[in-house]
């Protein structure tokens, strides 16, 4: 899927903010906007969920991915 990711034509620093306030939040939001247009957003997100990647992946930040992981664990426990 990496070959089809549109982020390959974007400055990689955009996807690795040093925080999520002020200018760094704007940077993260800009990265998420790139992800929203990407045809391979879903596989990117799945890889990030599996590998605990830092930064913006699949349109999500670390906190958002942690919430997704928690939701999936809870669903598994209920099944």
PDB file of N, CA and C in Angstrom:
ATOM      1  N   UNK A   1       0.810  -1.201   0.000  1.00  0.00           N
ATOM      2  CA  UNK A   1       0.000   0.000   0.000  1.00  0.00           C
ATOM      3  C   UNK A   1       0.847   1.255   0.000  1.00  0.00           C
ATOM      4  N   UNK A   2       2.088   1.128   0.467  1.00  0.00           N
ATOM      5  CA  UNK A   2       2.969   2.301   0.558  1.00  0.00           C
ATOM      6  C   UNK A   2       3.153   3.018  -0.779  1.00  0.00           C
ATOM      7  N   UNK A   3       3.162   2.260  -1.839  1.00  0.00           N
ATOM      8  CA  UNK A   3       3.375   2.848  -3.164  1.00  0.00           C
ATOM      9  C   UNK A   3       2.240   3.773  -3.585  1.00  0.00           C
ATOM     10  N   UNK A   4       1.067   3.604  -2.987  1.00  0.00           N
ATOM     11  CA  UNK A   4      -0.106   4.390  -3.373  1.00  0.00           C
ATOM     12  C   UNK A   4      -0.434   5.501  -2.378  1.00  0.00           C
ATOM     13  N   UNK A   5       0.376   5.647  -1.347  1.00  0.00           N
ATOM     14  CA  UNK A   5       0.114   6.666  -0.324  1.00  0.00           C
ATOM     15  C   UNK A   5       0.477   8.055  -0.845  1.00  0.00           C
ATOM     16  N   UNK A   6      -0.429   9.000  -0.682  1.00  0.00           N
ATOM     17  CA  UNK A   6      -0.146  10.349  -1.182  1.00  0.00           C
ATOM     18  C   UNK A   6       0.825  11.100  -0.279  1.00  0.00           C
ATOM     19  N   UNK A   7       1.038  10.617   0.921  1.00  0.00           N
ATOM     20  CA  UNK A   7       1.972  11.295   1.819  1.00  0.00           C
ATOM     21  C   UNK A   7       3.413  11.190   1.346  1.00  0.00           C
ATOM     22  N   UNK A   8       3.682  10.298   0.413  1.00  0.00           N
ATOM     23  CA  UNK A   8       5.054  10.172  -0.079  1.00  0.00           C
ATOM     24  C   UNK A   8       5.511  11.428  -0.819  1.00  0.00           C
ATOM     25  N   UNK A   9       4.543  12.257  -1.223  1.00  0.00           N
ATOM     26  CA  UNK A   9       4.866  13.518  -1.894  1.00  0.00           C
ATOM     27  C   UNK A   9       4.759  14.713  -0.957  1.00  0.00           C
ATOM     28  N   UNK A  10       4.696  14.451   0.342  1.00  0.00           N
ATOM     29  CA  UNK A  10       4.517  15.500   1.352  1.00  0.00           C
ATOM     30  C   UNK A  10       5.702  15.470   2.309  1.00  0.00           C
ATOM     31  N   UNK A  11       6.081  16.618   2.832  1.00  0.00           N
ATOM     32  CA  UNK A  11       7.163  16.703   3.807  1.00  0.00           C
ATOM     33  C   UNK A  11       6.858  15.789   4.986  1.00  0.00           C
ATOM     34  N   UNK A  12       7.701  14.802   5.260  1.00  0.00           N
ATOM     35  CA  UNK A  12       7.436  13.853   6.346  1.00  0.00           C
ATOM     36  C   UNK A  12       7.314  14.510   7.722  1.00  0.00           C
ATOM     37  N   UNK A  13       7.968  15.650   7.917  1.00  0.00           N
ATOM     38  CA  UNK A  13       7.879  16.331   9.211  1.00  0.00           C
ATOM     39  C   UNK A  13       6.447  16.705   9.565  1.00  0.00           C
ATOM     40  N   UNK A  14       5.612  16.897   8.560  1.00  0.00           N
ATOM     41  CA  UNK A  14       4.211  17.244   8.797  1.00  0.00           C
ATOM     42  C   UNK A  14       3.516  16.167   9.626  1.00  0.00           C
ATOM     43  N   UNK A  15       3.900  14.919   9.435  1.00  0.00           N
ATOM     44  CA  UNK A  15       3.235  13.786  10.068  1.00  0.00           C
ATOM     45  C   UNK A  15       3.789  13.434  11.444  1.00  0.00           C
ATOM     46  N   UNK A  16       4.754  14.200  11.909  1.00  0.00           N
ATOM     47  CA  UNK A  16       5.364  13.925  13.207  1.00  0.00           C
ATOM     48  C   UNK A  16       5.438  15.192  14.055  1.00  0.00           C
ATOM     49  N   UNK A  17       4.267  15.698  14.472  1.00  0.00           N
ATOM     50  CA  UNK A  17       4.267  16.898  15.313  1.00  0.00           C
ATOM     51  C   UNK A  17       4.895  16.593  16.673  1.00  0.00           C
ATOM     52  N   UNK A  18       5.431  17.612  17.295  1.00  0.00           N
ATOM     53  CA  UNK A  18       6.053  17.424  18.609  1.00  0.00           C
ATOM     54  C   UNK A  18       5.065  17.631  19.744  1.00  0.00           C
ATOM     55  N   UNK A  19       3.813  17.913  19.409  1.00  0.00           N
ATOM     56  CA  UNK A  19       2.755  18.087  20.388  1.00  0.00           C
ATOM     57  C   UNK A  19       1.445  18.279  19.659  1.00  0.00           C
ATOM     58  N   UNK A  20       0.403  18.557  20.416  1.00  0.00           N
ATOM     59  CA  UNK A  20      -0.910  18.704  19.793  1.00  0.00           C
ATOM     60  C   UNK A  20      -1.605  19.971  20.300  1.00  0.00           C
ATOM     61  N   UNK A  21      -0.832  21.043  20.416  1.00  0.00           N
ATOM     62  CA  UNK A  21      -1.373  22.352  20.800  1.00  0.00           C
ATOM     63  C   UNK A  21      -0.756  23.405  19.890  1.00  0.00           C
ATOM     64  N   UNK A  22      -1.477  24.493  19.691  1.00  0.00           N
ATOM     65  CA  UNK A  22      -0.956  25.616  18.913  1.00  0.00           C
ATOM     66  C   UNK A  22      -0.572  25.234  17.505  1.00  0.00           C
ATOM     67  N   UNK A  23       0.616  25.655  17.111  1.00  0.00           N
ATOM     68  CA  UNK A  23       1.104  25.419  15.752  1.00  0.00           C
ATOM     69  C   UNK A  23       1.262  23.924  15.467  1.00  0.00           C
ATOM     70  N   UNK A  24       1.607  23.148  16.481  1.00  0.00           N
ATOM     71  CA  UNK A  24       1.770  21.705  16.275  1.00  0.00           C
ATOM     72  C   UNK A  24       0.421  21.034  16.032  1.00  0.00           C
ATOM     73  N   UNK A  25      -0.639  21.535  16.644  1.00  0.00           N
ATOM     74  CA  UNK A  25      -1.981  21.009  16.360  1.00  0.00           C
ATOM     75  C   UNK A  25      -2.357  21.326  14.928  1.00  0.00           C
ATOM     76  N   UNK A  26      -2.039  22.519  14.484  1.00  0.00           N
ATOM     77  CA  UNK A  26      -2.310  22.885  13.090  1.00  0.00           C
ATOM     78  C   UNK A  26      -1.558  21.959  12.134  1.00  0.00           C
ATOM     79  N   UNK A  27      -0.337  21.631  12.500  1.00  0.00           N
ATOM     80  CA  UNK A  27       0.478  20.707  11.705  1.00  0.00           C
ATOM     81  C   UNK A  27      -0.185  19.327  11.664  1.00  0.00           C
ATOM     82  N   UNK A  28      -0.629  18.846  12.815  1.00  0.00           N
ATOM     83  CA  UNK A  28      -1.297  17.544  12.880  1.00  0.00           C
ATOM     84  C   UNK A  28      -2.589  17.560  12.076  1.00  0.00           C
ATOM     85  N   UNK A  29      -3.345  18.630  12.186  1.00  0.00           N
ATOM     86  CA  UNK A  29      -4.589  18.746  11.419  1.00  0.00           C
ATOM     87  C   UNK A  29      -4.307  18.755   9.920  1.00  0.00           C
ATOM     88  N   UNK A  30      -3.240  19.405   9.506  1.00  0.00           N
ATOM     89  CA  UNK A  30      -2.869  19.425   8.090  1.00  0.00           C
ATOM     90  C   UNK A  30      -2.488  18.021   7.619  1.00  0.00           C
ATOM     91  N   UNK A  31      -1.775  17.287   8.449  1.00  0.00           N
ATOM     92  CA  UNK A  31      -1.407  15.911   8.102  1.00  0.00           C
ATOM     93  C   UNK A  31      -2.659  15.042   7.980  1.00  0.00           C
ATOM     94  N   UNK A  32      -3.595  15.210   8.907  1.00  0.00           N
ATOM     95  CA  UNK A  32      -4.839  14.436   8.853  1.00  0.00           C
ATOM     96  C   UNK A  32      -5.645  14.776   7.608  1.00  0.00           C
ATOM     97  N   UNK A  33      -5.569  16.026   7.155  1.00  0.00           N
ATOM     98  CA  UNK A  33      -6.261  16.424   5.933  1.00  0.00           C
ATOM     99  C   UNK A  33      -5.654  15.713   4.714  1.00  0.00           C
ATOM    100  N   UNK A  34      -4.345  15.532   4.716  1.00  0.00           N
ATOM    101  CA  UNK A  34      -3.694  14.775   3.643  1.00  0.00           C
ATOM    102  C   UNK A  34      -4.197  13.335   3.689  1.00  0.00           C
ATOM    103  N   UNK A  35      -4.223  12.762   4.871  1.00  0.00           N
ATOM    104  CA  UNK A  35      -4.683  11.375   5.036  1.00  0.00           C
ATOM    105  C   UNK A  35      -6.120  11.200   4.547  1.00  0.00           C
ATOM    106  N   UNK A  36      -6.955  12.188   4.802  1.00  0.00           N
ATOM    107  CA  UNK A  36      -8.365  12.091   4.420  1.00  0.00           C
ATOM    108  C   UNK A  36      -8.543  11.954   2.913  1.00  0.00           C
ATOM    109  N   UNK A  37      -7.562  12.408   2.143  1.00  0.00           N
ATOM    110  CA  UNK A  37      -7.624  12.324   0.684  1.00  0.00           C
ATOM    111  C   UNK A  37      -6.922  11.085   0.132  1.00  0.00           C
ATOM    112  N   UNK A  38      -6.320  10.308   1.009  1.00  0.00           N
ATOM    113  CA  UNK A  38      -5.470   9.198   0.575  1.00  0.00           C
ATOM    114  C   UNK A  38      -6.278   7.926   0.284  1.00  0.00           C
ATOM    115  N   UNK A  39      -5.992   7.279  -0.839  1.00  0.00           N
ATOM    116  CA  UNK A  39      -6.725   6.054  -1.183  1.00  0.00           C
ATOM    117  C   UNK A  39      -6.342   4.839  -0.333  1.00  0.00           C
ATOM    118  N   UNK A  40      -5.252   4.935   0.414  1.00  0.00           N
ATOM    119  CA  UNK A  40      -4.820   3.794   1.226  1.00  0.00           C
ATOM    120  C   UNK A  40      -4.831   4.140   2.729  1.00  0.00           C
ATOM    121  N   UNK A  41      -5.744   5.000   3.117  1.00  0.00           N
ATOM    122  CA  UNK A  41      -5.833   5.410   4.518  1.00  0.00           C
ATOM    123  C   UNK A  41      -6.114   4.214   5.431  1.00  0.00           C
ATOM    124  N   UNK A  42      -7.001   3.323   5.036  1.00  0.00           N
ATOM    125  CA  UNK A  42      -7.355   2.194   5.899  1.00  0.00           C
ATOM    126  C   UNK A  42      -6.186   1.249   6.166  1.00  0.00           C
ATOM    127  N   UNK A  43      -5.460   0.788   5.146  1.00  0.00           N
ATOM    128  CA  UNK A  43      -4.333  -0.093   5.454  1.00  0.00           C
ATOM    129  C   UNK A  43      -3.225   0.615   6.237  1.00  0.00           C
ATOM    130  N   UNK A  44      -3.074   1.907   6.015  1.00  0.00           N
ATOM    131  CA  UNK A  44      -2.101   2.688   6.778  1.00  0.00           C
ATOM    132  C   UNK A  44      -2.486   2.682   8.258  1.00  0.00           C
ATOM    133  N   UNK A  45      -3.754   2.929   8.522  1.00  0.00           N
ATOM    134  CA  UNK A  45      -4.233   2.913   9.902  1.00  0.00           C
ATOM    135  C   UNK A  45      -4.045   1.542  10.533  1.00  0.00           C
ATOM    136  N   UNK A  46      -4.371   0.500   9.809  1.00  0.00           N
ATOM    137  CA  UNK A  46      -4.232  -0.857  10.368  1.00  0.00           C
ATOM    138  C   UNK A  46      -2.773  -1.166  10.709  1.00  0.00           C
ATOM    139  N   UNK A  47      -1.860  -0.745   9.869  1.00  0.00           N
ATOM    140  CA  UNK A  47      -0.445  -0.971  10.169  1.00  0.00           C
ATOM    141  C   UNK A  47      -0.036  -0.206  11.420  1.00  0.00           C
ATOM    142  N   UNK A  48      -0.496   1.030  11.531  1.00  0.00           N
ATOM    143  CA  UNK A  48      -0.172   1.833  12.712  1.00  0.00           C
ATOM    144  C   UNK A  48      -0.776   1.218  13.968  1.00  0.00           C
ATOM    145  N   UNK A  49      -1.991   0.697  13.878  1.00  0.00           N
ATOM    146  CA  UNK A  49      -2.615   0.055  15.038  1.00  0.00           C
ATOM    147  C   UNK A  49      -1.825  -1.177  15.467  1.00  0.00           C
ATOM    148  N   UNK A  50      -1.273  -1.881  14.517  1.00  0.00           N
ATOM    149  CA  UNK A  50      -0.508  -3.091  14.819  1.00  0.00           C
ATOM    150  C   UNK A  50       0.884  -2.792  15.356  1.00  0.00           C
ATOM    151  N   UNK A  51       1.437  -1.635  14.973  1.00  0.00           N
ATOM    152  CA  UNK A  51       2.835  -1.370  15.296  1.00  0.00           C
ATOM    153  C   UNK A  51       3.076  -0.235  16.276  1.00  0.00           C
ATOM    154  N   UNK A  52       2.017   0.360  16.834  1.00  0.00           N
ATOM    155  CA  UNK A  52       2.180   1.449  17.792  1.00  0.00           C
ATOM    156  C   UNK A  52       3.009   2.603  17.249  1.00  0.00           C
ATOM    157  N   UNK A  53       2.852   2.931  16.005  1.00  0.00           N
ATOM    158  CA  UNK A  53       3.646   3.985  15.390  1.00  0.00           C
ATOM    159  C   UNK A  53       3.346   5.358  15.979  1.00  0.00           C
ATOM    160  N   UNK A  54       4.388   6.146  16.146  1.00  0.00           N
ATOM    161  CA  UNK A  54       4.283   7.534  16.596  1.00  0.00           C
ATOM    162  C   UNK A  54       3.912   8.405  15.403  1.00  0.00           C
ATOM    163  N   UNK A  55       3.188   9.447  15.644  1.00  0.00           N
ATOM    164  CA  UNK A  55       2.866  10.399  14.592  1.00  0.00           C
ATOM    165  C   UNK A  55       1.472  10.200  14.037  1.00  0.00           C
ATOM    166  N   UNK A  56       1.225  10.841  12.918  1.00  0.00           N
ATOM    167  CA  UNK A  56      -0.065  10.765  12.240  1.00  0.00           C
ATOM    168  C   UNK A  56       0.009   9.654  11.200  1.00  0.00           C
ATOM    169  N   UNK A  57      -0.857   8.676  11.362  1.00  0.00           N
ATOM    170  CA  UNK A  57      -0.934   7.546  10.430  1.00  0.00           C
ATOM    171  C   UNK A  57      -2.406   7.237  10.201  1.00  0.00           C
ATOM    172  N   UNK A  58      -2.789   7.025   8.965  1.00  0.00           N
ATOM    173  CA  UNK A  58      -4.169   6.681   8.672  1.00  0.00           C
ATOM    174  C   UNK A  58      -5.156   7.720   9.173  1.00  0.00           C
ATOM    175  N   UNK A  59      -4.724   8.957   9.260  1.00  0.00           N
ATOM    176  CA  UNK A  59      -5.599  10.033   9.693  1.00  0.00           C
ATOM    177  C   UNK A  59      -5.815  10.122  11.192  1.00  0.00           C
ATOM    178  N   UNK A  60      -4.983   9.433  11.963  1.00  0.00           N
ATOM    179  CA  UNK A  60      -5.137   9.429  13.418  1.00  0.00           C
ATOM    180  C   UNK A  60      -3.817   9.739  14.111  1.00  0.00           C
ATOM    181  N   UNK A  61      -3.933  10.267  15.329  1.00  0.00           N
ATOM    182  CA  UNK A  61      -2.740  10.455  16.152  1.00  0.00           C
ATOM    183  C   UNK A  61      -2.672   9.320  17.179  1.00  0.00           C
ATOM    184  N   UNK A  62      -1.658   9.345  18.025  1.00  0.00           N
ATOM    185  CA  UNK A  62      -1.450   8.253  18.983  1.00  0.00           C
ATOM    186  C   UNK A  62      -2.654   8.056  19.906  1.00  0.00           C
ATOM    187  N   UNK A  63      -3.188   9.147  20.414  1.00  0.00           N
ATOM    188  CA  UNK A  63      -4.329   9.051  21.323  1.00  0.00           C
ATOM    189  C   UNK A  63      -5.545   8.442  20.655  1.00  0.00           C
ATOM    190  N   UNK A  64      -5.796   8.835  19.426  1.00  0.00           N
ATOM    191  CA  UNK A  64      -6.933   8.280  18.690  1.00  0.00           C
ATOM    192  C   UNK A  64      -6.735   6.793  18.428  1.00  0.00           C
ATOM    193  N   UNK A  65      -5.516   6.395  18.092  1.00  0.00           N
ATOM    194  CA  UNK A  65      -5.254   4.967  17.870  1.00  0.00           C
ATOM    195  C   UNK A  65      -5.371   4.181  19.163  1.00  0.00           C
ATOM    196  N   UNK A  66      -4.940   4.754  20.264  1.00  0.00           N
ATOM    197  CA  UNK A  66      -5.099   4.065  21.551  1.00  0.00           C
ATOM    198  C   UNK A  66      -6.572   3.831  21.857  1.00  0.00           C
ATOM    199  N   UNK A  67      -7.419   4.816  21.563  1.00  0.00           N
ATOM    200  CA  UNK A  67      -8.863   4.646  21.787  1.00  0.00           C
ATOM    201  C   UNK A  67      -9.434   3.555  20.879  1.00  0.00           C
ATOM    202  N   UNK A  68      -8.986   3.518  19.628  1.00  0.00           N
ATOM    203  CA  UNK A  68      -9.455   2.470  18.710  1.00  0.00           C
ATOM    204  C   UNK A  68      -9.043   1.099  19.231  1.00  0.00           C
ATOM    205  N   UNK A  69      -7.796   0.966  19.670  1.00  0.00           N
ATOM    206  CA  UNK A  69      -7.331  -0.318  20.210  1.00  0.00           C
ATOM    207  C   UNK A  69      -8.173  -0.735  21.412  1.00  0.00           C
ATOM    208  N   UNK A  70      -8.450   0.214  22.283  1.00  0.00           N
ATOM    209  CA  UNK A  70      -9.245  -0.087  23.482  1.00  0.00           C
ATOM    210  C   UNK A  70     -10.650  -0.534  23.082  1.00  0.00           C
ATOM    211  N   UNK A  71     -11.270   0.172  22.142  1.00  0.00           N
ATOM    212  CA  UNK A  71     -12.606  -0.206  21.679  1.00  0.00           C
ATOM    213  C   UNK A  71     -12.602  -1.607  21.094  1.00  0.00           C
ATOM    214  N   UNK A  72     -11.578  -1.937  20.333  1.00  0.00           N
ATOM    215  CA  UNK A  72     -11.499  -3.276  19.718  1.00  0.00           C
ATOM    216  C   UNK A  72     -11.309  -4.345  20.785  1.00  0.00           C
ATOM    217  N   UNK A  73     -10.484  -4.057  21.789  1.00  0.00           N
ATOM    218  CA  UNK A  73     -10.302  -5.037  22.883  1.00  0.00           C
ATOM    219  C   UNK A  73     -11.622  -5.272  23.612  1.00  0.00           C
ATOM    220  N   UNK A  74     -12.352  -4.186  23.886  1.00  0.00           N
ATOM    221  CA  UNK A  74     -13.630  -4.325  24.587  1.00  0.00           C
ATOM    222  C   UNK A  74     -14.630  -5.133  23.762  1.00  0.00           C
ATOM    223  N   UNK A  75     -14.661  -4.879  22.459  1.00  0.00           N
ATOM    224  CA  UNK A  75     -15.563  -5.658  21.586  1.00  0.00           C
ATOM    225  C   UNK A  75     -15.204  -7.129  21.606  1.00  0.00           C
ATOM    226  N   UNK A  76     -13.915  -7.437  21.583  1.00  0.00           N
ATOM    227  CA  UNK A  76     -13.462  -8.824  21.608  1.00  0.00           C
ATOM    228  C   UNK A  76     -13.873  -9.501  22.905  1.00  0.00           C
ATOM    229  N   UNK A  77     -13.744  -8.778  24.013  1.00  0.00           N
ATOM    230  CA  UNK A  77     -14.086  -9.339  25.314  1.00  0.00           C
ATOM    231  C   UNK A  77     -15.594  -9.618  25.399  1.00  0.00           C
ATOM    232  N   UNK A  78     -16.386  -8.810  24.747  1.00  0.00           N
ATOM    233  CA  UNK A  78     -17.847  -8.969  24.795  1.00  0.00           C
ATOM    234  C   UNK A  78     -18.341 -10.052  23.841  1.00  0.00           C
ATOM    235  N   UNK A  79     -17.520 -10.386  22.852  1.00  0.00           N
ATOM    236  CA  UNK A  79     -17.948 -11.367  21.828  1.00  0.00           C
ATOM    237  C   UNK A  79     -17.861 -12.783  22.338  1.00  0.00           C
TER     238      UNK A  79
END
